[in-house]
Amino acid sequence: MDVAIAGGFERFYEVLRRLTPRSELSLTAASTLRRLERSGPHRLCELHVPEGVSQPAMTQLVTRLEKEGLASRGSDPDDGRAVVVTITEAGREAVAKRREGRTRALSALLEQLPAEDHAAIVAALPALERLGELITEQSI
């Protein structure tokens, strides 16, 4: 049963990736911006683990996001040596645009499903949200 569940998630992940509009943002850049949007500013050193990249790679990514105006860096008010990364309004707009494109594509697919399947997906969303929270908390 666990293999079937994992396979189902893999297939759904593939579908979501294909539904995501192509843009200049890499998957890691988009995920980092979503994390900053959802959870607020983060220390630079805290971002690399949940995103699954090295600290130097995250530093490079944040530098690029900053150059593109999608994120900004500042000093941590509690520790001036630490760098805090914040999403900018342009970053929020980039995340929203990406989400809107995926929403349109996903909506078109959902309309093709029988009502029972559509209802089952909607009913599963709270559990999937809780699963996502567990993954975030555990930094998997």
Foldseek 3Di string as FASTA:
>chain_A
DVVVVVVVVVVVVVVLVVQFDDDPDDPLLLVLLVCCVVPNKDWLVPRCLLSVHDSVVSVVSLVVCVVVVQKDWDADPVGRVIIIIHGDPVVVVVNVVRVVSSVVSVVVVLVPDDPVVNVVVVVCVVVVVVVVVVCVVVSD
